[in-house]
Amino acid sequence: MDKLVAQDYMDHSPPIFPGLPTGREGVKQAFRLFWDATPGTPDIEFQVAGGDKVVTRFIASGVHTGDLPGIPATGKAISVTATVAHRIANGMLVEKWSDKDALGLLQKFGVITLPGGAPE
């Protein structure tokens, strides 16, 4: 990942896991946490590029077999959709803006129950 993500990487989106460092190290830790706890696959629905930006829409699917910060393993199959825009400079990712279905993911983990319903 060090060859793809710039040292001064800037993530303009709220972190999915609180307490992680910013920059490249935070990205590395977030990926490691998520994929170690929910082994599976990312499926790219579409990707477009223009100028120095690339936008990717994907679905990450897996099974929640490991603990995440504040969320013990559930053994449940999960999927989360995300749309991510990156700015690229000198062949490296330098900035990110993302929109992910964090609420849906927390519902699948059973962390959040909406009024009038049980977690999925």
N, C-alpha and C. Protein backbone atom coordinates (compact mmCIF):
# COMPACT_ATOMS: atom_id res chain seq x y z
N MET A 1 0.82 -1.19 0.00
CA MET A 1 0.00 0.00 0.00
C MET A 1 0.87 1.26 0.00
N ASP A 2 2.08 1.17 0.54
CA ASP A 2 2.96 2.34 0.57
C ASP A 2 3.31 2.83 -0.83
N LYS A 3 3.24 1.95 -1.83
CA LYS A 3 3.54 2.35 -3.20
C LYS A 3 2.35 3.00 -3.89
N LEU A 4 1.15 2.89 -3.28
CA LEU A 4 -0.07 3.42 -3.89
C LEU A 4 -0.61 4.66 -3.20
N VAL A 5 -0.32 4.81 -1.91
CA VAL A 5 -0.90 5.89 -1.10
C VAL A 5 0.21 6.83 -0.66
N ALA A 6 0.06 8.12 -0.95
CA ALA A 6 1.07 9.11 -0.60
C ALA A 6 1.20 9.24 0.92
N GLN A 7 2.39 9.57 1.37
CA GLN A 7 2.65 9.74 2.80
C GLN A 7 1.74 10.80 3.40
N ASP A 8 1.46 11.87 2.66
CA ASP A 8 0.63 12.97 3.17
C ASP A 8 -0.83 12.84 2.74
N TYR A 9 -1.29 11.62 2.51
CA TYR A 9 -2.67 11.31 2.10
C TYR A 9 -3.67 12.00 3.01
N MET A 10 -4.69 12.60 2.40
CA MET A 10 -5.72 13.32 3.16
C MET A 10 -7.07 12.67 2.91
N ASP A 11 -7.69 12.18 3.98
CA ASP A 11 -9.02 11.59 3.90
C ASP A 11 -10.02 12.63 4.40
N HIS A 12 -10.90 13.09 3.53
CA HIS A 12 -11.87 14.13 3.88
C HIS A 12 -13.16 13.55 4.46
N SER A 13 -13.23 12.25 4.63
CA SER A 13 -14.44 11.58 5.11
C SER A 13 -14.26 11.15 6.56
N PRO A 14 -15.38 11.04 7.30
CA PRO A 14 -15.26 10.58 8.68
C PRO A 14 -14.72 9.15 8.72
N PRO A 15 -13.87 8.85 9.70
CA PRO A 15 -13.32 7.49 9.78
C PRO A 15 -14.41 6.48 10.13
N ILE A 16 -14.31 5.29 9.55
CA ILE A 16 -15.28 4.25 9.89
C ILE A 16 -14.97 3.65 11.26
N PHE A 17 -13.70 3.68 11.66
CA PHE A 17 -13.31 3.20 12.98
C PHE A 17 -12.65 4.35 13.73
N PRO A 18 -13.22 4.75 14.87
CA PRO A 18 -12.63 5.86 15.62
C PRO A 18 -11.27 5.50 16.20
N GLY A 19 -10.45 6.53 16.40
CA GLY A 19 -9.18 6.34 17.07
C GLY A 19 -8.01 5.97 16.17
N LEU A 20 -8.25 5.81 14.88
CA LEU A 20 -7.14 5.48 13.99
C LEU A 20 -6.38 6.75 13.62
N PRO A 21 -5.09 6.62 13.32
CA PRO A 21 -4.34 7.80 12.90
C PRO A 21 -4.83 8.30 11.54
N THR A 22 -4.47 9.51 11.20
CA THR A 22 -4.82 10.06 9.90
C THR A 22 -3.75 9.67 8.89
N GLY A 23 -3.96 10.05 7.65
CA GLY A 23 -2.96 9.81 6.62
C GLY A 23 -2.87 8.36 6.20
N ARG A 24 -1.75 8.05 5.56
CA ARG A 24 -1.54 6.71 5.01
C ARG A 24 -1.61 5.63 6.08
N GLU A 25 -1.07 5.88 7.25
CA GLU A 25 -1.08 4.86 8.30
C GLU A 25 -2.51 4.53 8.73
N GLY A 26 -3.37 5.53 8.80
CA GLY A 26 -4.77 5.29 9.15
C GLY A 26 -5.49 4.45 8.11
N VAL A 27 -5.22 4.71 6.83
CA VAL A 27 -5.82 3.92 5.75
C VAL A 27 -5.37 2.47 5.86
N LYS A 28 -4.08 2.26 6.07
CA LYS A 28 -3.55 0.90 6.19
C LYS A 28 -4.20 0.17 7.36
N GLN A 29 -4.32 0.84 8.50
CA GLN A 29 -4.91 0.20 9.67
C GLN A 29 -6.39 -0.10 9.46
N ALA A 30 -7.13 0.82 8.84
CA ALA A 30 -8.56 0.61 8.59
C ALA A 30 -8.78 -0.58 7.66
N PHE A 31 -8.01 -0.66 6.58
CA PHE A 31 -8.12 -1.80 5.67
C PHE A 31 -7.80 -3.09 6.40
N ARG A 32 -6.71 -3.10 7.15
CA ARG A 32 -6.31 -4.31 7.87
C ARG A 32 -7.40 -4.75 8.84
N LEU A 33 -7.92 -3.80 9.63
CA LEU A 33 -8.98 -4.12 10.59
C LEU A 33 -10.20 -4.72 9.90
N PHE A 34 -10.69 -4.05 8.85
CA PHE A 34 -11.91 -4.49 8.19
C PHE A 34 -11.73 -5.84 7.51
N TRP A 35 -10.68 -6.01 6.71
CA TRP A 35 -10.53 -7.25 5.96
C TRP A 35 -10.11 -8.42 6.83
N ASP A 36 -9.38 -8.18 7.92
CA ASP A 36 -9.07 -9.27 8.85
C ASP A 36 -10.33 -9.75 9.57
N ALA A 37 -11.23 -8.82 9.91
CA ALA A 37 -12.45 -9.16 10.66
C ALA A 37 -13.58 -9.65 9.76
N THR A 38 -13.56 -9.27 8.49
CA THR A 38 -14.64 -9.64 7.57
C THR A 38 -14.06 -10.13 6.25
N PRO A 39 -13.34 -11.26 6.27
CA PRO A 39 -12.72 -11.71 5.03
C PRO A 39 -13.78 -11.91 3.94
N GLY A 40 -13.44 -11.45 2.76
CA GLY A 40 -14.38 -11.54 1.64
C GLY A 40 -13.80 -10.87 0.42
N THR A 41 -14.68 -10.24 -0.36
CA THR A 41 -14.25 -9.64 -1.61
C THR A 41 -14.87 -8.27 -1.83
N PRO A 42 -14.12 -7.37 -2.46
CA PRO A 42 -14.71 -6.12 -2.93
C PRO A 42 -15.08 -6.31 -4.41
N ASP A 43 -16.30 -5.99 -4.76
CA ASP A 43 -16.75 -6.08 -6.14
C ASP A 43 -17.00 -4.67 -6.67
N ILE A 44 -16.25 -4.27 -7.68
CA ILE A 44 -16.40 -2.94 -8.26
C ILE A 44 -17.61 -2.94 -9.19
N GLU A 45 -18.57 -2.07 -8.90
CA GLU A 45 -19.75 -1.92 -9.75
C GLU A 45 -19.44 -1.02 -10.95
N PHE A 46 -18.72 0.07 -10.71
CA PHE A 46 -18.25 0.90 -11.81
C PHE A 46 -17.10 1.77 -11.32
N GLN A 47 -16.34 2.26 -12.29
CA GLN A 47 -15.21 3.14 -12.00
C GLN A 47 -15.06 4.09 -13.18
N VAL A 48 -14.95 5.38 -12.87
CA VAL A 48 -14.77 6.39 -13.91
C VAL A 48 -13.60 7.30 -13.53
N ALA A 49 -12.92 7.79 -14.54
CA ALA A 49 -11.78 8.67 -14.30
C ALA A 49 -11.87 9.88 -15.21
N GLY A 50 -11.40 11.00 -14.69
CA GLY A 50 -11.33 12.22 -15.46
C GLY A 50 -10.33 13.16 -14.81
N GLY A 51 -9.41 13.69 -15.60
CA GLY A 51 -8.39 14.57 -15.03
C GLY A 51 -7.57 13.82 -14.00
N ASP A 52 -7.49 14.38 -12.80
CA ASP A 52 -6.70 13.74 -11.74
C ASP A 52 -7.58 13.01 -10.72
N LYS A 53 -8.85 12.72 -11.08
CA LYS A 53 -9.79 12.07 -10.15
C LYS A 53 -10.26 10.71 -10.69
N VAL A 54 -10.48 9.78 -9.77
CA VAL A 54 -11.06 8.47 -10.07
C VAL A 54 -12.18 8.23 -9.07
N VAL A 55 -13.36 7.84 -9.56
CA VAL A 55 -14.49 7.54 -8.69
C VAL A 55 -14.83 6.06 -8.85
N THR A 56 -14.97 5.37 -7.72
CA THR A 56 -15.26 3.94 -7.72
C THR A 56 -16.48 3.67 -6.85
N ARG A 57 -17.41 2.89 -7.36
CA ARG A 57 -18.57 2.42 -6.59
C ARG A 57 -18.37 0.93 -6.42
N PHE A 58 -18.38 0.46 -5.16
CA PHE A 58 -18.14 -0.96 -4.93
C PHE A 58 -18.99 -1.49 -3.79
N ILE A 59 -19.07 -2.81 -3.74
CA ILE A 59 -19.72 -3.52 -2.64
C ILE A 59 -18.67 -4.43 -2.02
N ALA A 60 -18.44 -4.28 -0.72
CA ALA A 60 -17.53 -5.15 0.01
C ALA A 60 -18.39 -6.19 0.74
N SER A 61 -18.14 -7.46 0.46
CA SER A 61 -18.91 -8.55 1.07
C SER A 61 -17.96 -9.49 1.79
N GLY A 62 -18.44 -10.05 2.89
CA GLY A 62 -17.63 -11.00 3.64
C GLY A 62 -18.43 -11.58 4.78
N VAL A 63 -17.73 -12.27 5.66
CA VAL A 63 -18.34 -12.86 6.86
C VAL A 63 -17.63 -12.26 8.06
N HIS A 64 -18.40 -11.77 9.01
CA HIS A 64 -17.85 -11.09 10.19
C HIS A 64 -17.33 -12.13 11.19
N THR A 65 -16.09 -12.58 10.97
CA THR A 65 -15.50 -13.62 11.80
C THR A 65 -14.52 -13.10 12.85
N GLY A 66 -14.17 -11.84 12.78
CA GLY A 66 -13.22 -11.27 13.74
C GLY A 66 -13.78 -10.02 14.38
N ASP A 67 -13.18 -9.65 15.50
CA ASP A 67 -13.64 -8.47 16.23
C ASP A 67 -13.23 -7.18 15.51
N LEU A 68 -14.12 -6.20 15.58
CA LEU A 68 -13.84 -4.84 15.14
C LEU A 68 -13.89 -3.96 16.38
N PRO A 69 -13.36 -2.75 16.34
CA PRO A 69 -13.39 -1.89 17.54
C PRO A 69 -14.81 -1.74 18.08
N GLY A 70 -15.04 -2.29 19.28
CA GLY A 70 -16.34 -2.20 19.94
C GLY A 70 -17.40 -3.14 19.39
N ILE A 71 -17.04 -4.00 18.43
CA ILE A 71 -18.02 -4.90 17.81
C ILE A 71 -17.44 -6.31 17.77
N PRO A 72 -17.89 -7.19 18.67
CA PRO A 72 -17.39 -8.57 18.63
C PRO A 72 -17.88 -9.30 17.38
N ALA A 73 -17.14 -10.32 16.98
CA ALA A 73 -17.50 -11.11 15.79
C ALA A 73 -18.92 -11.67 15.94
N THR A 74 -19.67 -11.64 14.84
CA THR A 74 -21.05 -12.14 14.85
C THR A 74 -21.22 -13.40 14.02
N GLY A 75 -20.30 -13.67 13.11
CA GLY A 75 -20.45 -14.80 12.21
C GLY A 75 -21.43 -14.54 11.07
N LYS A 76 -21.95 -13.32 11.00
CA LYS A 76 -22.95 -12.98 9.97
C LYS A 76 -22.28 -12.59 8.66
N ALA A 77 -22.96 -12.94 7.56
CA ALA A 77 -22.54 -12.45 6.25
C ALA A 77 -22.92 -10.97 6.18
N ILE A 78 -22.03 -10.16 5.66
CA ILE A 78 -22.29 -8.72 5.56
C ILE A 78 -21.93 -8.24 4.16
N SER A 79 -22.51 -7.10 3.82
CA SER A 79 -22.08 -6.39 2.61
C SER A 79 -22.31 -4.91 2.88
N VAL A 80 -21.43 -4.10 2.36
CA VAL A 80 -21.54 -2.66 2.52
C VAL A 80 -21.19 -2.01 1.19
N THR A 81 -22.00 -1.03 0.82
CA THR A 81 -21.73 -0.30 -0.42
C THR A 81 -20.98 0.99 -0.09
N ALA A 82 -20.16 1.41 -1.02
CA ALA A 82 -19.41 2.66 -0.85
C ALA A 82 -19.13 3.27 -2.21
N THR A 83 -19.06 4.57 -2.22
CA THR A 83 -18.61 5.32 -3.39
C THR A 83 -17.43 6.16 -2.93
N VAL A 84 -16.32 6.01 -3.61
CA VAL A 84 -15.08 6.65 -3.19
C VAL A 84 -14.50 7.45 -4.36
N ALA A 85 -14.13 8.69 -4.09
CA ALA A 85 -13.44 9.52 -5.08
C ALA A 85 -12.03 9.77 -4.59
N HIS A 86 -11.06 9.53 -5.44
CA HIS A 86 -9.66 9.78 -5.11
C HIS A 86 -9.08 10.81 -6.07
N ARG A 87 -8.19 11.63 -5.55
CA ARG A 87 -7.35 12.48 -6.40
C ARG A 87 -5.99 11.82 -6.46
N ILE A 88 -5.43 11.79 -7.66
CA ILE A 88 -4.16 11.12 -7.89
C ILE A 88 -3.12 12.15 -8.33
N ALA A 89 -1.93 12.05 -7.76
CA ALA A 89 -0.80 12.89 -8.16
C ALA A 89 0.45 12.04 -8.15
N ASN A 90 1.24 12.16 -9.18
CA ASN A 90 2.49 11.39 -9.29
C ASN A 90 2.25 9.89 -9.15
N GLY A 91 1.12 9.41 -9.66
CA GLY A 91 0.81 7.98 -9.63
C GLY A 91 0.38 7.45 -8.28
N MET A 92 0.09 8.34 -7.32
CA MET A 92 -0.30 7.90 -5.98
C MET A 92 -1.61 8.54 -5.56
N LEU A 93 -2.34 7.86 -4.69
CA LEU A 93 -3.55 8.42 -4.10
C LEU A 93 -3.15 9.48 -3.10
N VAL A 94 -3.69 10.70 -3.26
CA VAL A 94 -3.31 11.79 -2.36
C VAL A 94 -4.48 12.35 -1.55
N GLU A 95 -5.71 12.19 -2.07
CA GLU A 95 -6.89 12.66 -1.34
C GLU A 95 -8.04 11.69 -1.57
N LYS A 96 -8.95 11.62 -0.57
CA LYS A 96 -10.12 10.74 -0.69
C LYS A 96 -11.35 11.41 -0.11
N TRP A 97 -12.47 11.21 -0.81
CA TRP A 97 -13.79 11.58 -0.32
C TRP A 97 -14.64 10.32 -0.49
N SER A 98 -15.37 9.92 0.55
CA SER A 98 -16.16 8.69 0.41
C SER A 98 -17.51 8.81 1.09
N ASP A 99 -18.41 7.98 0.61
CA ASP A 99 -19.75 7.86 1.17
C ASP A 99 -20.02 6.37 1.29
N LYS A 100 -20.18 5.90 2.52
CA LYS A 100 -20.41 4.47 2.73
C LYS A 100 -21.65 4.27 3.58
N ASP A 101 -22.26 3.11 3.45
CA ASP A 101 -23.47 2.80 4.20
C ASP A 101 -23.09 2.28 5.58
N ALA A 102 -22.55 3.17 6.41
CA ALA A 102 -22.13 2.78 7.76
C ALA A 102 -23.32 2.37 8.61
N LEU A 103 -24.46 3.05 8.47
CA LEU A 103 -25.65 2.69 9.25
C LEU A 103 -26.09 1.27 8.91
N GLY A 104 -26.17 0.96 7.62
CA GLY A 104 -26.56 -0.39 7.22
C GLY A 104 -25.60 -1.44 7.74
N LEU A 105 -24.31 -1.13 7.72
CA LEU A 105 -23.31 -2.07 8.22
C LEU A 105 -23.48 -2.29 9.72
N LEU A 106 -23.68 -1.22 10.48
CA LEU A 106 -23.88 -1.36 11.92
C LEU A 106 -25.17 -2.12 12.23
N GLN A 107 -26.19 -1.97 11.41
CA GLN A 107 -27.41 -2.76 11.58
C GLN A 107 -27.12 -4.24 11.35
N LYS A 108 -26.35 -4.56 10.33
CA LYS A 108 -26.02 -5.96 10.04
C LYS A 108 -25.20 -6.58 11.16
N PHE A 109 -24.35 -5.77 11.80
CA PHE A 109 -23.58 -6.25 12.94
C PHE A 109 -24.44 -6.39 14.19
N GLY A 110 -25.66 -5.83 14.16
CA GLY A 110 -26.54 -5.88 15.33
C GLY A 110 -26.24 -4.82 16.36
N VAL A 111 -25.44 -3.83 16.00
CA VAL A 111 -25.05 -2.76 16.92
C VAL A 111 -26.17 -1.74 17.06
N ILE A 112 -26.90 -1.50 15.96
CA ILE A 112 -27.97 -0.50 15.93
C ILE A 112 -29.26 -1.18 15.50
N THR A 113 -30.32 -0.90 16.23
CA THR A 113 -31.65 -1.36 15.85
C THR A 113 -32.52 -0.13 15.63
N LEU A 114 -33.15 -0.07 14.48
CA LEU A 114 -34.03 1.05 14.20
C LEU A 114 -35.34 0.87 14.96
N PRO A 115 -35.99 1.95 15.36
CA PRO A 115 -37.26 1.84 16.07
C PRO A 115 -38.27 1.00 15.28
N GLY A 116 -38.93 0.09 16.00
CA GLY A 116 -39.95 -0.74 15.37
C GLY A 116 -39.44 -1.95 14.64
N GLY A 117 -38.15 -2.22 14.73
CA GLY A 117 -37.64 -3.37 14.00
C GLY A 117 -36.44 -3.99 14.67
N ALA A 118 -36.21 -5.23 14.34
CA ALA A 118 -35.05 -5.95 14.85
C ALA A 118 -33.90 -5.76 13.88
N PRO A 119 -32.66 -5.95 14.35
CA PRO A 119 -31.53 -5.83 13.42
C PRO A 119 -31.62 -6.89 12.35
N GLU A 120 -31.08 -6.58 11.17
CA GLU A 120 -31.10 -7.56 10.07
C GLU A 120 -30.10 -8.65 10.33
